[in-house]
N, C-alpha and C. Protein backbone atom coordinates (compact mmCIF):
# COMPACT_ATOMS: atom_id res chain seq x y z
N MET A 1 14.29 83.70 -140.02
CA MET A 1 13.79 84.53 -138.94
C MET A 1 14.36 85.92 -139.12
N SER A 2 13.52 86.89 -139.16
CA SER A 2 14.00 88.26 -139.30
C SER A 2 14.45 88.77 -137.95
N PHE A 3 15.27 89.82 -137.98
CA PHE A 3 15.80 90.36 -136.74
C PHE A 3 14.74 91.13 -135.97
N PHE A 4 13.72 91.60 -136.67
CA PHE A 4 12.62 92.23 -135.96
C PHE A 4 11.93 91.21 -135.07
N LYS A 5 11.72 90.02 -135.59
CA LYS A 5 11.11 88.96 -134.80
C LYS A 5 12.06 88.53 -133.69
N LEU A 6 13.35 88.50 -133.99
CA LEU A 6 14.33 88.11 -132.99
C LEU A 6 14.35 89.09 -131.83
N SER A 7 14.21 90.37 -132.12
CA SER A 7 14.21 91.34 -131.03
C SER A 7 12.96 91.20 -130.16
N ARG A 8 11.88 90.69 -130.72
CA ARG A 8 10.66 90.49 -129.94
C ARG A 8 10.80 89.33 -128.96
N ILE A 9 11.46 88.25 -129.37
CA ILE A 9 11.57 87.08 -128.50
C ILE A 9 12.86 87.08 -127.69
N GLN A 10 13.69 88.09 -127.88
CA GLN A 10 15.00 88.13 -127.24
C GLN A 10 14.89 88.13 -125.72
N ARG A 11 13.82 88.69 -125.18
CA ARG A 11 13.65 88.74 -123.73
C ARG A 11 13.45 87.35 -123.13
N SER A 12 12.94 86.43 -123.91
CA SER A 12 12.71 85.08 -123.39
C SER A 12 13.89 84.15 -123.64
N LEU A 13 14.92 84.61 -124.32
CA LEU A 13 16.13 83.82 -124.56
C LEU A 13 17.32 84.47 -123.89
N ASP A 14 18.29 83.66 -123.53
CA ASP A 14 19.52 84.27 -123.02
C ASP A 14 20.42 84.66 -124.19
N ASN A 15 21.45 85.41 -123.90
CA ASN A 15 22.31 85.96 -124.95
C ASN A 15 23.04 84.88 -125.74
N ASP A 16 23.39 83.78 -125.10
CA ASP A 16 24.07 82.69 -125.81
C ASP A 16 23.16 82.07 -126.87
N CYS A 17 21.89 81.90 -126.56
CA CYS A 17 20.94 81.34 -127.53
C CYS A 17 20.75 82.28 -128.72
N VAL A 18 20.62 83.55 -128.43
CA VAL A 18 20.46 84.53 -129.52
C VAL A 18 21.70 84.56 -130.39
N ALA A 19 22.87 84.54 -129.78
CA ALA A 19 24.12 84.55 -130.54
C ALA A 19 24.25 83.29 -131.40
N THR A 20 23.86 82.15 -130.86
CA THR A 20 23.92 80.90 -131.63
C THR A 20 22.96 80.92 -132.80
N LEU A 21 21.77 81.44 -132.60
CA LEU A 21 20.81 81.56 -133.70
C LEU A 21 21.37 82.41 -134.84
N VAL A 22 21.95 83.53 -134.49
CA VAL A 22 22.43 84.46 -135.51
C VAL A 22 23.64 83.90 -136.23
N THR A 23 24.63 83.42 -135.48
CA THR A 23 25.85 82.97 -136.13
C THR A 23 25.63 81.72 -136.97
N SER A 24 24.71 80.86 -136.56
CA SER A 24 24.44 79.68 -137.38
C SER A 24 23.81 80.07 -138.70
N ARG A 25 22.97 81.09 -138.70
CA ARG A 25 22.35 81.55 -139.95
C ARG A 25 23.38 82.26 -140.83
N VAL A 26 24.30 82.98 -140.24
CA VAL A 26 25.32 83.67 -141.03
C VAL A 26 26.33 82.67 -141.59
N ASP A 27 26.65 81.64 -140.82
CA ASP A 27 27.65 80.66 -141.25
C ASP A 27 27.11 79.66 -142.26
N TYR A 28 25.79 79.60 -142.45
CA TYR A 28 25.20 78.65 -143.38
C TYR A 28 25.72 78.92 -144.80
N CYS A 29 26.30 77.93 -145.44
CA CYS A 29 26.88 78.02 -146.78
C CYS A 29 27.92 79.13 -146.87
N GLY A 30 28.65 79.33 -145.80
CA GLY A 30 29.66 80.39 -145.78
C GLY A 30 30.80 80.15 -146.74
N SER A 31 31.10 78.90 -147.08
CA SER A 31 32.21 78.63 -147.98
C SER A 31 31.96 79.17 -149.39
N LEU A 32 30.70 79.45 -149.71
CA LEU A 32 30.40 80.04 -151.01
C LEU A 32 30.82 81.50 -151.10
N LEU A 33 31.14 82.08 -149.96
CA LEU A 33 31.50 83.49 -149.92
C LEU A 33 32.99 83.76 -150.11
N ILE A 34 33.77 82.70 -150.34
CA ILE A 34 35.20 82.92 -150.55
C ILE A 34 35.38 83.65 -151.87
N GLY A 35 36.05 84.77 -151.81
CA GLY A 35 36.27 85.58 -153.00
C GLY A 35 35.06 86.41 -153.40
N ALA A 36 34.06 86.50 -152.54
CA ALA A 36 32.87 87.27 -152.86
C ALA A 36 33.17 88.77 -152.82
N LEU A 37 32.37 89.53 -153.50
CA LEU A 37 32.55 90.97 -153.54
C LEU A 37 32.22 91.58 -152.18
N ASN A 38 32.81 92.75 -151.93
CA ASN A 38 32.53 93.45 -150.68
C ASN A 38 31.05 93.81 -150.56
N LYS A 39 30.40 94.00 -151.68
CA LYS A 39 28.98 94.32 -151.67
C LYS A 39 28.18 93.21 -150.99
N THR A 40 28.56 91.98 -151.24
CA THR A 40 27.87 90.83 -150.65
C THR A 40 28.21 90.68 -149.17
N THR A 41 29.49 90.76 -148.85
CA THR A 41 29.89 90.58 -147.45
C THR A 41 29.46 91.75 -146.58
N ASP A 42 29.31 92.92 -147.15
CA ASP A 42 28.84 94.07 -146.37
C ASP A 42 27.41 93.88 -145.91
N LYS A 43 26.60 93.19 -146.70
CA LYS A 43 25.23 92.90 -146.29
C LYS A 43 25.22 91.99 -145.07
N LEU A 44 26.09 90.98 -145.07
CA LEU A 44 26.17 90.09 -143.91
C LEU A 44 26.77 90.80 -142.70
N LYS A 45 27.66 91.76 -142.97
CA LYS A 45 28.21 92.54 -141.86
C LYS A 45 27.11 93.35 -141.19
N CYS A 46 26.20 93.86 -141.96
CA CYS A 46 25.05 94.60 -141.39
C CYS A 46 24.18 93.67 -140.55
N VAL A 47 24.04 92.44 -141.00
CA VAL A 47 23.26 91.46 -140.23
C VAL A 47 23.94 91.17 -138.90
N LEU A 48 25.27 90.97 -138.92
CA LEU A 48 25.99 90.73 -137.68
C LEU A 48 25.92 91.93 -136.75
N ASN A 49 26.03 93.13 -137.30
CA ASN A 49 25.94 94.32 -136.46
C ASN A 49 24.57 94.46 -135.83
N SER A 50 23.52 94.16 -136.58
CA SER A 50 22.17 94.23 -136.02
C SER A 50 22.00 93.21 -134.90
N ALA A 51 22.53 92.02 -135.12
CA ALA A 51 22.43 91.00 -134.08
C ALA A 51 23.24 91.38 -132.85
N ALA A 52 24.40 91.97 -133.06
CA ALA A 52 25.22 92.40 -131.92
C ALA A 52 24.51 93.48 -131.13
N ARG A 53 23.81 94.38 -131.82
CA ARG A 53 23.04 95.41 -131.11
C ARG A 53 21.95 94.79 -130.24
N ILE A 54 21.31 93.73 -130.76
CA ILE A 54 20.26 93.06 -130.00
C ILE A 54 20.84 92.36 -128.78
N VAL A 55 21.94 91.64 -128.98
CA VAL A 55 22.53 90.88 -127.89
C VAL A 55 23.11 91.81 -126.83
N LEU A 56 23.75 92.90 -127.25
CA LEU A 56 24.39 93.81 -126.32
C LEU A 56 23.47 94.91 -125.80
N ASN A 57 22.21 94.92 -126.26
CA ASN A 57 21.24 95.94 -125.88
C ASN A 57 21.76 97.35 -126.18
N MET A 58 22.29 97.53 -127.37
CA MET A 58 22.81 98.82 -127.80
C MET A 58 21.82 99.47 -128.75
N HIS A 59 21.88 100.78 -128.83
CA HIS A 59 21.05 101.52 -129.76
C HIS A 59 21.77 101.68 -131.09
N ILE A 60 21.04 102.09 -132.10
CA ILE A 60 21.59 102.13 -133.45
C ILE A 60 22.74 103.13 -133.60
N PHE A 61 22.72 104.19 -132.82
CA PHE A 61 23.76 105.21 -132.96
C PHE A 61 24.84 105.13 -131.88
N ASP A 62 24.85 104.07 -131.10
CA ASP A 62 25.91 103.90 -130.10
C ASP A 62 27.23 103.63 -130.80
N ARG A 63 28.30 104.16 -130.23
CA ARG A 63 29.62 104.00 -130.83
C ARG A 63 30.32 102.76 -130.30
N GLY A 64 31.29 102.27 -131.05
CA GLY A 64 32.11 101.16 -130.61
C GLY A 64 31.51 99.79 -130.79
N LEU A 65 30.57 99.65 -131.72
CA LEU A 65 29.91 98.36 -131.91
C LEU A 65 30.89 97.29 -132.36
N THR A 66 31.78 97.64 -133.29
CA THR A 66 32.75 96.65 -133.79
C THR A 66 33.66 96.18 -132.66
N ARG A 67 34.10 97.09 -131.83
CA ARG A 67 34.97 96.72 -130.71
C ARG A 67 34.25 95.81 -129.74
N PHE A 68 32.99 96.11 -129.41
CA PHE A 68 32.23 95.26 -128.51
C PHE A 68 31.94 93.91 -129.15
N ARG A 69 31.68 93.91 -130.46
CA ARG A 69 31.39 92.65 -131.15
C ARG A 69 32.60 91.72 -131.09
N LYS A 70 33.79 92.30 -131.20
CA LYS A 70 35.00 91.47 -131.18
C LYS A 70 35.44 91.12 -129.77
N SER A 71 35.38 92.09 -128.84
CA SER A 71 35.93 91.85 -127.51
C SER A 71 34.96 91.11 -126.58
N GLU A 72 33.68 91.44 -126.63
CA GLU A 72 32.73 90.81 -125.71
C GLU A 72 32.07 89.58 -126.30
N LEU A 73 31.68 89.65 -127.56
CA LEU A 73 31.00 88.50 -128.18
C LEU A 73 31.97 87.54 -128.85
N HIS A 74 33.18 88.00 -129.12
CA HIS A 74 34.20 87.20 -129.81
C HIS A 74 33.75 86.77 -131.21
N TRP A 75 33.06 87.69 -131.90
CA TRP A 75 32.62 87.45 -133.27
C TRP A 75 33.62 88.08 -134.22
N GLN A 76 34.04 87.33 -135.21
CA GLN A 76 34.95 87.84 -136.23
C GLN A 76 34.15 88.56 -137.32
N ASP A 77 34.87 89.29 -138.16
CA ASP A 77 34.22 89.87 -139.34
C ASP A 77 33.83 88.75 -140.29
N VAL A 78 32.97 89.07 -141.25
CA VAL A 78 32.41 88.05 -142.14
C VAL A 78 33.51 87.36 -142.95
N VAL A 79 34.41 88.12 -143.53
CA VAL A 79 35.47 87.53 -144.36
C VAL A 79 36.37 86.64 -143.52
N ASP A 80 36.70 87.08 -142.31
CA ASP A 80 37.54 86.26 -141.42
C ASP A 80 36.81 85.00 -140.97
N ARG A 81 35.50 85.10 -140.73
CA ARG A 81 34.71 83.92 -140.36
C ARG A 81 34.74 82.88 -141.46
N VAL A 82 34.58 83.34 -142.70
CA VAL A 82 34.55 82.42 -143.84
C VAL A 82 35.90 81.73 -144.00
N ARG A 83 36.96 82.50 -143.94
CA ARG A 83 38.30 81.91 -144.06
C ARG A 83 38.57 80.90 -142.95
N PHE A 84 38.23 81.26 -141.73
CA PHE A 84 38.47 80.38 -140.60
C PHE A 84 37.71 79.06 -140.75
N ARG A 85 36.43 79.13 -141.12
CA ARG A 85 35.63 77.92 -141.24
C ARG A 85 36.12 77.01 -142.36
N VAL A 86 36.58 77.60 -143.46
CA VAL A 86 37.12 76.79 -144.56
C VAL A 86 38.45 76.15 -144.14
N CYS A 87 39.29 76.90 -143.44
CA CYS A 87 40.56 76.33 -142.97
C CYS A 87 40.34 75.19 -141.99
N VAL A 88 39.36 75.33 -141.11
CA VAL A 88 39.05 74.25 -140.17
C VAL A 88 38.55 73.01 -140.93
N GLN A 89 37.75 73.22 -141.95
CA GLN A 89 37.24 72.08 -142.72
C GLN A 89 38.36 71.38 -143.47
N VAL A 90 39.30 72.13 -144.02
CA VAL A 90 40.44 71.52 -144.71
C VAL A 90 41.30 70.76 -143.72
N PHE A 91 41.53 71.32 -142.54
CA PHE A 91 42.30 70.62 -141.50
C PHE A 91 41.64 69.29 -141.15
N ARG A 92 40.31 69.33 -140.97
CA ARG A 92 39.60 68.09 -140.64
C ARG A 92 39.71 67.07 -141.76
N CYS A 93 39.64 67.53 -142.99
CA CYS A 93 39.76 66.60 -144.13
C CYS A 93 41.15 65.96 -144.19
N LEU A 94 42.18 66.76 -143.98
CA LEU A 94 43.55 66.25 -144.06
C LEU A 94 43.88 65.31 -142.92
N HIS A 95 43.21 65.43 -141.79
CA HIS A 95 43.47 64.58 -140.64
C HIS A 95 42.38 63.53 -140.43
N SER A 96 41.61 63.26 -141.47
CA SER A 96 40.57 62.22 -141.48
C SER A 96 39.56 62.39 -140.35
N MET A 97 39.22 63.63 -140.05
CA MET A 97 38.22 63.90 -139.03
C MET A 97 36.92 64.39 -139.66
N ALA A 98 36.88 64.48 -140.99
CA ALA A 98 35.68 64.92 -141.70
C ALA A 98 35.00 63.71 -142.32
N ALA A 99 33.89 63.98 -142.98
CA ALA A 99 33.17 62.91 -143.68
C ALA A 99 34.06 62.30 -144.75
N GLY A 100 33.84 61.02 -145.03
CA GLY A 100 34.69 60.29 -145.97
C GLY A 100 34.71 60.88 -147.37
N TYR A 101 33.56 61.34 -147.86
CA TYR A 101 33.53 61.90 -149.21
C TYR A 101 34.31 63.20 -149.30
N LEU A 102 34.44 63.93 -148.22
CA LEU A 102 35.24 65.14 -148.25
C LEU A 102 36.72 64.82 -148.11
N SER A 103 37.05 63.85 -147.29
CA SER A 103 38.45 63.49 -147.08
C SER A 103 39.09 62.96 -148.34
N THR A 104 38.33 62.27 -149.19
CA THR A 104 38.90 61.74 -150.43
C THR A 104 39.13 62.86 -151.45
N LEU A 105 38.34 63.91 -151.38
CA LEU A 105 38.51 65.02 -152.31
C LEU A 105 39.65 65.95 -151.93
N CYS A 106 39.97 66.01 -150.67
CA CYS A 106 41.00 66.93 -150.18
C CYS A 106 42.23 66.13 -149.79
N GLN A 107 43.30 66.34 -150.52
CA GLN A 107 44.56 65.64 -150.22
C GLN A 107 45.72 66.60 -150.43
N PRO A 108 46.81 66.38 -149.71
CA PRO A 108 47.96 67.28 -149.84
C PRO A 108 48.56 67.21 -151.24
N ILE A 109 49.10 68.30 -151.68
CA ILE A 109 49.73 68.35 -153.01
C ILE A 109 50.91 67.40 -153.06
N SER A 110 51.62 67.23 -151.95
CA SER A 110 52.78 66.35 -151.95
C SER A 110 52.38 64.90 -152.20
N GLY A 111 51.13 64.54 -151.98
CA GLY A 111 50.67 63.18 -152.21
C GLY A 111 50.17 62.93 -153.63
N VAL A 112 50.10 63.99 -154.45
CA VAL A 112 49.61 63.85 -155.82
C VAL A 112 50.76 63.40 -156.71
N PRO A 113 50.59 62.33 -157.51
CA PRO A 113 51.67 61.87 -158.40
C PRO A 113 52.03 62.95 -159.42
N GLY A 114 53.31 63.08 -159.70
CA GLY A 114 53.76 64.05 -160.69
C GLY A 114 54.03 65.43 -160.11
N ARG A 115 53.94 65.57 -158.81
CA ARG A 115 54.24 66.86 -158.19
C ARG A 115 55.58 66.81 -157.55
């Protein structure tokens, strides 16, 4: 879904629904972005900024978008989002709260023989 289309239907959705749509699309396959170049993450940052403008009803040249994105929407930057989601997944794997195939692949170094 493009953001142009999102801005058209935004009036019929509340802000939580719009925010969920955007963040779920940005978070999709986010673990592939670990160690990605700034060129790649900057594109996703532009997507988040565009979505924040739609949700907050701000214009393109309004100042303080990053501050509003963090303080009102509680959205992290792209790199921080990726790190956080990977850390949560590792935590779930180590505490057997993730899928079985992931939990078997992720184990503490102290549990590996020869360490």
